[in-house]
């Protein structure tokens, strides 16, 4: 039972870190998507 609790806590922390990383990089992801869109439609 303790192992399950520890795994749940680790998973929760990992989820928060991943969400934070995605939120921090949203502007970079948008720039990359706009670049690829312009490359595909520009030709």
Protein backbone atom coordinates (compact mmCIF):
# COMPACT_ATOMS: atom_id res chain seq x y z
CA UNK A 1 0.00 0.00 0.00
CA UNK A 2 2.84 2.40 0.77
CA UNK A 3 4.46 1.61 -2.58
CA UNK A 4 1.20 2.56 -4.35
CA UNK A 5 1.12 5.89 -2.48
CA UNK A 6 4.76 6.64 -3.36
CA UNK A 7 4.13 5.82 -7.03
CA UNK A 8 1.05 8.07 -7.03
CA UNK A 9 3.06 10.96 -5.57
CA UNK A 10 5.90 10.47 -8.10
CA UNK A 11 3.39 10.33 -10.96
CA UNK A 12 1.69 13.51 -9.72
CA UNK A 13 4.97 15.41 -9.48
CA UNK A 14 6.00 14.18 -12.94
CA UNK A 15 2.67 15.31 -14.38
CA UNK A 16 3.07 18.77 -12.84
CA UNK A 17 6.63 19.11 -14.18
CA UNK A 18 5.55 18.00 -17.67
CA UNK A 19 2.62 20.44 -17.66
CA UNK A 20 4.90 23.27 -16.54
CA UNK A 21 7.43 22.45 -19.28
CA UNK A 22 4.71 22.46 -21.96
CA UNK A 23 3.29 25.77 -20.72
CA UNK A 24 6.75 27.37 -20.73
CA UNK A 25 7.41 26.19 -24.30
CA UNK A 26 4.01 26.98 -25.84
CA UNK A 27 5.35 30.10 -27.58
CA UNK A 28 8.26 28.09 -29.05
CA UNK A 29 5.84 25.36 -30.21
CA UNK A 30 3.62 28.00 -31.85
CA UNK A 31 6.59 29.52 -33.68
CA UNK A 32 7.64 26.09 -34.99
CA UNK A 33 4.09 25.28 -36.15
CA UNK A 34 3.76 28.64 -37.92
CA UNK A 35 7.13 28.08 -39.60
CA UNK A 36 6.11 24.64 -40.92
CA UNK A 37 2.71 25.97 -42.04
CA UNK A 38 4.43 28.76 -44.02
CA UNK A 39 6.89 26.27 -45.51
CA UNK A 40 4.09 23.94 -46.67
CA UNK A 41 1.70 26.61 -47.96
CA UNK A 42 4.37 28.97 -49.24
CA UNK A 43 5.38 26.67 -52.08
